[in-house]
Amino acid sequence: MTKIENEQQYNWAVARVEQLLPLVTDETPRSDPHSIELELLSHLVADYSDEHFSIGRPSALSIIQELVTTHGVPEPAF
């Protein structure tokens, strides 16, 4: 698999990554089959997530508005 094409493949890959996580530690050699599979699937999952579930970068104005709202500062009149 070179690219995740649909949500069914994505869900399978996420489930497989979750299965592999307990099998790979910092001490696991990079040449270990589980380590290789985990790295490859992780990249595929991340690429699909970025393409289909990305929320994008917030604008400067939306960040300021969020900070004003959460800190109770009166909003400036622009």
PDB file of N, CA and C in Angstrom:
ATOM      1  N   MET A   1       0.853  -1.167   0.000  1.00  0.00           N
ATOM      2  CA  MET A   1       0.000   0.000   0.000  1.00  0.00           C
ATOM      3  C   MET A   1       0.904   1.237   0.000  1.00  0.00           C
ATOM      4  N   THR A   2       0.688   2.115  -0.958  1.00  0.00           N
ATOM      5  CA  THR A   2       1.489   3.335  -1.039  1.00  0.00           C
ATOM      6  C   THR A   2       0.716   4.560  -0.580  1.00  0.00           C
ATOM      7  N   LYS A   3      -0.614   4.436  -0.513  1.00  0.00           N
ATOM      8  CA  LYS A   3      -1.454   5.536  -0.089  1.00  0.00           C
ATOM      9  C   LYS A   3      -2.775   4.962   0.401  1.00  0.00           C
ATOM     10  N   ILE A   4      -3.295   5.542   1.470  1.00  0.00           N
ATOM     11  CA  ILE A   4      -4.617   5.129   1.936  1.00  0.00           C
ATOM     12  C   ILE A   4      -5.643   5.808   1.035  1.00  0.00           C
ATOM     13  N   GLU A   5      -6.505   5.009   0.430  1.00  0.00           N
ATOM     14  CA  GLU A   5      -7.442   5.508  -0.568  1.00  0.00           C
ATOM     15  C   GLU A   5      -8.826   5.846  -0.019  1.00  0.00           C
ATOM     16  N   ASN A   6      -9.215   5.228   1.101  1.00  0.00           N
ATOM     17  CA  ASN A   6     -10.572   5.462   1.592  1.00  0.00           C
ATOM     18  C   ASN A   6     -10.622   5.282   3.107  1.00  0.00           C
ATOM     19  N   GLU A   7     -11.774   5.592   3.682  1.00  0.00           N
ATOM     20  CA  GLU A   7     -11.918   5.545   5.131  1.00  0.00           C
ATOM     21  C   GLU A   7     -11.812   4.131   5.687  1.00  0.00           C
ATOM     22  N   GLN A   8     -12.240   3.141   4.925  1.00  0.00           N
ATOM     23  CA  GLN A   8     -12.127   1.750   5.372  1.00  0.00           C
ATOM     24  C   GLN A   8     -10.654   1.368   5.533  1.00  0.00           C
ATOM     25  N   GLN A   9      -9.829   1.717   4.565  1.00  0.00           N
ATOM     26  CA  GLN A   9      -8.399   1.449   4.671  1.00  0.00           C
ATOM     27  C   GLN A   9      -7.790   2.244   5.832  1.00  0.00           C
ATOM     28  N   TYR A  10      -8.227   3.478   5.991  1.00  0.00           N
ATOM     29  CA  TYR A  10      -7.741   4.317   7.092  1.00  0.00           C
ATOM     30  C   TYR A  10      -8.062   3.677   8.438  1.00  0.00           C
ATOM     31  N   ASN A  11      -9.292   3.232   8.616  1.00  0.00           N
ATOM     32  CA  ASN A  11      -9.693   2.612   9.881  1.00  0.00           C
ATOM     33  C   ASN A  11      -8.899   1.341  10.156  1.00  0.00           C
ATOM     34  N   TRP A  12      -8.650   0.554   9.112  1.00  0.00           N
ATOM     35  CA  TRP A  12      -7.831  -0.645   9.280  1.00  0.00           C
ATOM     36  C   TRP A  12      -6.417  -0.267   9.708  1.00  0.00           C
ATOM     37  N   ALA A  13      -5.840   0.734   9.046  1.00  0.00           N
ATOM     38  CA  ALA A  13      -4.469   1.137   9.345  1.00  0.00           C
ATOM     39  C   ALA A  13      -4.350   1.686  10.767  1.00  0.00           C
ATOM     40  N   VAL A  14      -5.323   2.462  11.200  1.00  0.00           N
ATOM     41  CA  VAL A  14      -5.307   2.994  12.570  1.00  0.00           C
ATOM     42  C   VAL A  14      -5.375   1.840  13.570  1.00  0.00           C
ATOM     43  N   ALA A  15      -6.245   0.879  13.323  1.00  0.00           N
ATOM     44  CA  ALA A  15      -6.362  -0.279  14.217  1.00  0.00           C
ATOM     45  C   ALA A  15      -5.052  -1.068  14.254  1.00  0.00           C
ATOM     46  N   ARG A  16      -4.412  -1.216  13.107  1.00  0.00           N
ATOM     47  CA  ARG A  16      -3.147  -1.950  13.064  1.00  0.00           C
ATOM     48  C   ARG A  16      -2.048  -1.192  13.803  1.00  0.00           C
ATOM     49  N   VAL A  17      -2.008   0.123  13.658  1.00  0.00           N
ATOM     50  CA  VAL A  17      -1.030   0.934  14.397  1.00  0.00           C
ATOM     51  C   VAL A  17      -1.235   0.731  15.900  1.00  0.00           C
ATOM     52  N   GLU A  18      -2.482   0.728  16.337  1.00  0.00           N
ATOM     53  CA  GLU A  18      -2.774   0.518  17.759  1.00  0.00           C
ATOM     54  C   GLU A  18      -2.311  -0.862  18.227  1.00  0.00           C
ATOM     55  N   GLN A  19      -2.385  -1.870  17.366  1.00  0.00           N
ATOM     56  CA  GLN A  19      -1.892  -3.203  17.713  1.00  0.00           C
ATOM     57  C   GLN A  19      -0.368  -3.232  17.807  1.00  0.00           C
ATOM     58  N   LEU A  20       0.289  -2.460  16.957  1.00  0.00           N
ATOM     59  CA  LEU A  20       1.746  -2.472  16.894  1.00  0.00           C
ATOM     60  C   LEU A  20       2.403  -1.649  18.005  1.00  0.00           C
ATOM     61  N   LEU A  21       1.723  -0.626  18.476  1.00  0.00           N
ATOM     62  CA  LEU A  21       2.332   0.262  19.469  1.00  0.00           C
ATOM     63  C   LEU A  21       2.888  -0.461  20.693  1.00  0.00           C
ATOM     64  N   PRO A  22       2.165  -1.423  21.282  1.00  0.00           N
ATOM     65  CA  PRO A  22       2.740  -2.108  22.445  1.00  0.00           C
ATOM     66  C   PRO A  22       3.927  -3.017  22.099  1.00  0.00           C
ATOM     67  N   LEU A  23       4.077  -3.354  20.828  1.00  0.00           N
ATOM     68  CA  LEU A  23       5.133  -4.277  20.419  1.00  0.00           C
ATOM     69  C   LEU A  23       6.454  -3.575  20.097  1.00  0.00           C
ATOM     70  N   VAL A  24       6.394  -2.247  19.962  1.00  0.00           N
ATOM     71  CA  VAL A  24       7.581  -1.485  19.577  1.00  0.00           C
ATOM     72  C   VAL A  24       7.917  -0.493  20.680  1.00  0.00           C
ATOM     73  N   THR A  25       9.141  -0.574  21.176  1.00  0.00           N
ATOM     74  CA  THR A  25       9.612   0.346  22.213  1.00  0.00           C
ATOM     75  C   THR A  25      10.820   1.109  21.687  1.00  0.00           C
ATOM     76  N   ASP A  26      11.359   1.981  22.526  1.00  0.00           N
ATOM     77  CA  ASP A  26      12.565   2.717  22.141  1.00  0.00           C
ATOM     78  C   ASP A  26      13.747   1.775  21.918  1.00  0.00           C
ATOM     79  N   GLU A  27      13.703   0.606  22.541  1.00  0.00           N
ATOM     80  CA  GLU A  27      14.795  -0.359  22.408  1.00  0.00           C
ATOM     81  C   GLU A  27      14.629  -1.287  21.205  1.00  0.00           C
ATOM     82  N   THR A  28      13.485  -1.255  20.563  1.00  0.00           N
ATOM     83  CA  THR A  28      13.239  -2.115  19.408  1.00  0.00           C
ATOM     84  C   THR A  28      14.122  -1.657  18.239  1.00  0.00           C
ATOM     85  N   PRO A  29      14.867  -2.579  17.649  1.00  0.00           N
ATOM     86  CA  PRO A  29      15.705  -2.196  16.504  1.00  0.00           C
ATOM     87  C   PRO A  29      14.851  -1.683  15.340  1.00  0.00           C
ATOM     88  N   ARG A  30      15.367  -0.709  14.626  1.00  0.00           N
ATOM     89  CA  ARG A  30      14.639  -0.160  13.472  1.00  0.00           C
ATOM     90  C   ARG A  30      14.454  -1.208  12.381  1.00  0.00           C
ATOM     91  N   SER A  31      15.259  -2.256  12.404  1.00  0.00           N
ATOM     92  CA  SER A  31      15.153  -3.316  11.402  1.00  0.00           C
ATOM     93  C   SER A  31      14.098  -4.359  11.768  1.00  0.00           C
ATOM     94  N   ASP A  32      13.517  -4.258  12.954  1.00  0.00           N
ATOM     95  CA  ASP A  32      12.485  -5.189  13.393  1.00  0.00           C
ATOM     96  C   ASP A  32      11.249  -5.039  12.502  1.00  0.00           C
ATOM     97  N   PRO A  33      10.650  -6.138  12.054  1.00  0.00           N
ATOM     98  CA  PRO A  33       9.478  -6.054  11.172  1.00  0.00           C
ATOM     99  C   PRO A  33       8.327  -5.230  11.759  1.00  0.00           C
ATOM    100  N   HIS A  34       8.095  -5.342  13.063  1.00  0.00           N
ATOM    101  CA  HIS A  34       7.026  -4.553  13.673  1.00  0.00           C
ATOM    102  C   HIS A  34       7.352  -3.058  13.631  1.00  0.00           C
ATOM    103  N   SER A  35       8.591  -2.733  13.862  1.00  0.00           N
ATOM    104  CA  SER A  35       9.024  -1.339  13.822  1.00  0.00           C
ATOM    105  C   SER A  35       8.880  -0.754  12.419  1.00  0.00           C
ATOM    106  N   ILE A  36       9.271  -1.518  11.438  1.00  0.00           N
ATOM    107  CA  ILE A  36       9.153  -1.082  10.037  1.00  0.00           C
ATOM    108  C   ILE A  36       7.692  -0.867   9.673  1.00  0.00           C
ATOM    109  N   GLU A  37       6.852  -1.833  10.005  1.00  0.00           N
ATOM    110  CA  GLU A  37       5.428  -1.728   9.687  1.00  0.00           C
ATOM    111  C   GLU A  37       4.798  -0.533  10.402  1.00  0.00           C
ATOM    112  N   LEU A  38       5.143  -0.344  11.672  1.00  0.00           N
ATOM    113  CA  LEU A  38       4.595   0.776  12.438  1.00  0.00           C
ATOM    114  C   LEU A  38       4.985   2.111  11.808  1.00  0.00           C
ATOM    115  N   GLU A  39       6.235   2.250  11.427  1.00  0.00           N
ATOM    116  CA  GLU A  39       6.675   3.505  10.822  1.00  0.00           C
ATOM    117  C   GLU A  39       5.958   3.773   9.501  1.00  0.00           C
ATOM    118  N   LEU A  40       5.872   2.764   8.656  1.00  0.00           N
ATOM    119  CA  LEU A  40       5.210   2.941   7.365  1.00  0.00           C
ATOM    120  C   LEU A  40       3.727   3.278   7.520  1.00  0.00           C
ATOM    121  N   LEU A  41       3.032   2.512   8.350  1.00  0.00           N
ATOM    122  CA  LEU A  41       1.601   2.769   8.544  1.00  0.00           C
ATOM    123  C   LEU A  41       1.351   4.117   9.206  1.00  0.00           C
ATOM    124  N   SER A  42       2.218   4.498  10.133  1.00  0.00           N
ATOM    125  CA  SER A  42       2.062   5.792  10.800  1.00  0.00           C
ATOM    126  C   SER A  42       2.125   6.936   9.797  1.00  0.00           C
ATOM    127  N   HIS A  43       3.052   6.840   8.854  1.00  0.00           N
ATOM    128  CA  HIS A  43       3.160   7.880   7.825  1.00  0.00           C
ATOM    129  C   HIS A  43       1.922   7.903   6.928  1.00  0.00           C
ATOM    130  N   LEU A  44       1.435   6.724   6.558  1.00  0.00           N
ATOM    131  CA  LEU A  44       0.240   6.656   5.720  1.00  0.00           C
ATOM    132  C   LEU A  44      -0.977   7.236   6.436  1.00  0.00           C
ATOM    133  N   VAL A  45      -1.128   6.892   7.717  1.00  0.00           N
ATOM    134  CA  VAL A  45      -2.250   7.404   8.506  1.00  0.00           C
ATOM    135  C   VAL A  45      -2.146   8.921   8.642  1.00  0.00           C
ATOM    136  N   ALA A  46      -0.952   9.421   8.918  1.00  0.00           N
ATOM    137  CA  ALA A  46      -0.758  10.866   9.065  1.00  0.00           C
ATOM    138  C   ALA A  46      -1.063  11.596   7.759  1.00  0.00           C
ATOM    139  N   ASP A  47      -0.625  11.055   6.637  1.00  0.00           N
ATOM    140  CA  ASP A  47      -0.899  11.688   5.349  1.00  0.00           C
ATOM    141  C   ASP A  47      -2.398  11.751   5.073  1.00  0.00           C
ATOM    142  N   TYR A  48      -3.101  10.641   5.327  1.00  0.00           N
ATOM    143  CA  TYR A  48      -4.548  10.613   5.098  1.00  0.00           C
ATOM    144  C   TYR A  48      -5.252  11.586   6.044  1.00  0.00           C
ATOM    145  N   SER A  49      -4.840  11.606   7.300  1.00  0.00           N
ATOM    146  CA  SER A  49      -5.446  12.501   8.283  1.00  0.00           C
ATOM    147  C   SER A  49      -5.246  13.955   7.889  1.00  0.00           C
ATOM    148  N   ASP A  50      -4.043  14.297   7.464  1.00  0.00           N
ATOM    149  CA  ASP A  50      -3.769  15.673   7.041  1.00  0.00           C
ATOM    150  C   ASP A  50      -4.634  16.079   5.858  1.00  0.00           C
ATOM    151  N   GLU A  51      -4.842  15.152   4.947  1.00  0.00           N
ATOM    152  CA  GLU A  51      -5.609  15.455   3.746  1.00  0.00           C
ATOM    153  C   GLU A  51      -7.114  15.531   4.008  1.00  0.00           C
ATOM    154  N   HIS A  52      -7.628  14.662   4.876  1.00  0.00           N
ATOM    155  CA  HIS A  52      -9.078  14.545   5.034  1.00  0.00           C
ATOM    156  C   HIS A  52      -9.640  15.113   6.331  1.00  0.00           C
ATOM    157  N   PHE A  53      -8.815  15.272   7.346  1.00  0.00           N
ATOM    158  CA  PHE A  53      -9.318  15.711   8.644  1.00  0.00           C
ATOM    159  C   PHE A  53      -8.649  16.980   9.147  1.00  0.00           C
ATOM    160  N   SER A  54      -7.872  17.611   8.311  1.00  0.00           N
ATOM    161  CA  SER A  54      -7.138  18.800   8.729  1.00  0.00           C
ATOM    162  C   SER A  54      -8.096  19.954   9.000  1.00  0.00           C
ATOM    163  N   ILE A  55      -7.837  20.653  10.088  1.00  0.00           N
ATOM    164  CA  ILE A  55      -8.677  21.812  10.408  1.00  0.00           C
ATOM    165  C   ILE A  55      -8.047  23.103   9.904  1.00  0.00           C
ATOM    166  N   GLY A  56      -6.870  23.018   9.366  1.00  0.00           N
ATOM    167  CA  GLY A  56      -6.209  24.184   8.808  1.00  0.00           C
ATOM    168  C   GLY A  56      -5.590  25.053   9.879  1.00  0.00           C
ATOM    169  N   ARG A  57      -4.897  26.069   9.430  1.00  0.00           N
ATOM    170  CA  ARG A  57      -4.247  26.999  10.343  1.00  0.00           C
ATOM    171  C   ARG A  57      -5.212  28.125  10.669  1.00  0.00           C
ATOM    172  N   PRO A  58      -5.289  28.497  11.936  1.00  0.00           N
ATOM    173  CA  PRO A  58      -6.181  29.606  12.294  1.00  0.00           C
ATOM    174  C   PRO A  58      -5.604  30.937  11.826  1.00  0.00           C
ATOM    175  N   SER A  59      -6.488  31.876  11.546  1.00  0.00           N
ATOM    176  CA  SER A  59      -6.029  33.205  11.165  1.00  0.00           C
ATOM    177  C   SER A  59      -5.594  33.963  12.416  1.00  0.00           C
ATOM    178  N   ALA A  60      -4.823  35.004  12.222  1.00  0.00           N
ATOM    179  CA  ALA A  60      -4.375  35.823  13.350  1.00  0.00           C
ATOM    180  C   ALA A  60      -5.578  36.429  14.074  1.00  0.00           C
ATOM    181  N   LEU A  61      -6.562  36.850  13.314  1.00  0.00           N
ATOM    182  CA  LEU A  61      -7.751  37.451  13.918  1.00  0.00           C
ATOM    183  C   LEU A  61      -8.498  36.447  14.783  1.00  0.00           C
ATOM    184  N   SER A  62      -8.635  35.204  14.313  1.00  0.00           N
ATOM    185  CA  SER A  62      -9.353  34.212  15.108  1.00  0.00           C
ATOM    186  C   SER A  62      -8.585  33.868  16.385  1.00  0.00           C
ATOM    187  N   ILE A  63      -7.260  33.901  16.332  1.00  0.00           N
ATOM    188  CA  ILE A  63      -6.456  33.653  17.544  1.00  0.00           C
ATOM    189  C   ILE A  63      -6.670  34.782  18.547  1.00  0.00           C
ATOM    190  N   ILE A  64      -6.628  36.016  18.073  1.00  0.00           N
ATOM    191  CA  ILE A  64      -6.850  37.158  18.962  1.00  0.00           C
ATOM    192  C   ILE A  64      -8.240  37.100  19.580  1.00  0.00           C
ATOM    193  N   GLN A  65      -9.248  36.798  18.761  1.00  0.00           N
ATOM    194  CA  GLN A  65     -10.618  36.710  19.279  1.00  0.00           C
ATOM    195  C   GLN A  65     -10.732  35.618  20.327  1.00  0.00           C
ATOM    196  N   GLU A  66     -10.086  34.486  20.119  1.00  0.00           N
ATOM    197  CA  GLU A  66     -10.124  33.387  21.094  1.00  0.00           C
ATOM    198  C   GLU A  66      -9.438  33.804  22.394  1.00  0.00           C
ATOM    199  N   LEU A  67      -8.298  34.462  22.296  1.00  0.00           N
ATOM    200  CA  LEU A  67      -7.598  34.935  23.490  1.00  0.00           C
ATOM    201  C   LEU A  67      -8.429  35.958  24.253  1.00  0.00           C
ATOM    202  N   VAL A  68      -9.053  36.875  23.534  1.00  0.00           N
ATOM    203  CA  VAL A  68      -9.907  37.893  24.167  1.00  0.00           C
ATOM    204  C   VAL A  68     -11.065  37.220  24.893  1.00  0.00           C
ATOM    205  N   THR A  69     -11.672  36.246  24.240  1.00  0.00           N
ATOM    206  CA  THR A  69     -12.816  35.537  24.824  1.00  0.00           C
ATOM    207  C   THR A  69     -12.406  34.740  26.064  1.00  0.00           C
ATOM    208  N   THR A  70     -11.316  34.008  25.972  1.00  0.00           N
ATOM    209  CA  THR A  70     -10.929  33.142  27.102  1.00  0.00           C
ATOM    210  C   THR A  70     -10.349  33.907  28.281  1.00  0.00           C
ATOM    211  N   HIS A  71      -9.813  35.097  28.032  1.00  0.00           N
ATOM    212  CA  HIS A  71      -9.209  35.867  29.118  1.00  0.00           C
ATOM    213  C   HIS A  71     -10.087  37.015  29.594  1.00  0.00           C
ATOM    214  N   GLY A  72     -11.262  37.150  29.027  1.00  0.00           N
ATOM    215  CA  GLY A  72     -12.210  38.148  29.498  1.00  0.00           C
ATOM    216  C   GLY A  72     -11.813  39.585  29.227  1.00  0.00           C
ATOM    217  N   VAL A  73     -10.961  39.796  28.258  1.00  0.00           N
ATOM    218  CA  VAL A  73     -10.552  41.150  27.909  1.00  0.00           C
ATOM    219  C   VAL A  73     -11.581  41.718  26.950  1.00  0.00           C
ATOM    220  N   PRO A  74     -11.981  42.980  27.163  1.00  0.00           N
ATOM    221  CA  PRO A  74     -12.951  43.566  26.205  1.00  0.00           C
ATOM    222  C   PRO A  74     -12.376  43.567  24.790  1.00  0.00           C
ATOM    223  N   GLU A  75     -13.207  43.178  23.859  1.00  0.00           N
ATOM    224  CA  GLU A  75     -12.768  43.103  22.465  1.00  0.00           C
ATOM    225  C   GLU A  75     -12.576  44.499  21.904  1.00  0.00           C
ATOM    226  N   PRO A  76     -11.452  44.761  21.257  1.00  0.00           N
ATOM    227  CA  PRO A  76     -11.214  46.087  20.715  1.00  0.00           C
ATOM    228  C   PRO A  76     -12.131  46.370  19.526  1.00  0.00           C
ATOM    229  N   ALA A  77     -12.466  47.636  19.355  1.00  0.00           N
ATOM    230  CA  ALA A  77     -13.287  48.022  18.201  1.00  0.00           C
ATOM    231  C   ALA A  77     -12.360  48.242  17.020  1.00  0.00           C
ATOM    232  N   PHE A  78     -12.513  47.411  16.002  1.00  0.00           N
ATOM    233  CA  PHE A  78     -11.656  47.535  14.812  1.00  0.00           C
ATOM    234  C   PHE A  78     -12.314  48.418  13.810  1.00  0.00           C
TER     235      PHE A  78
END
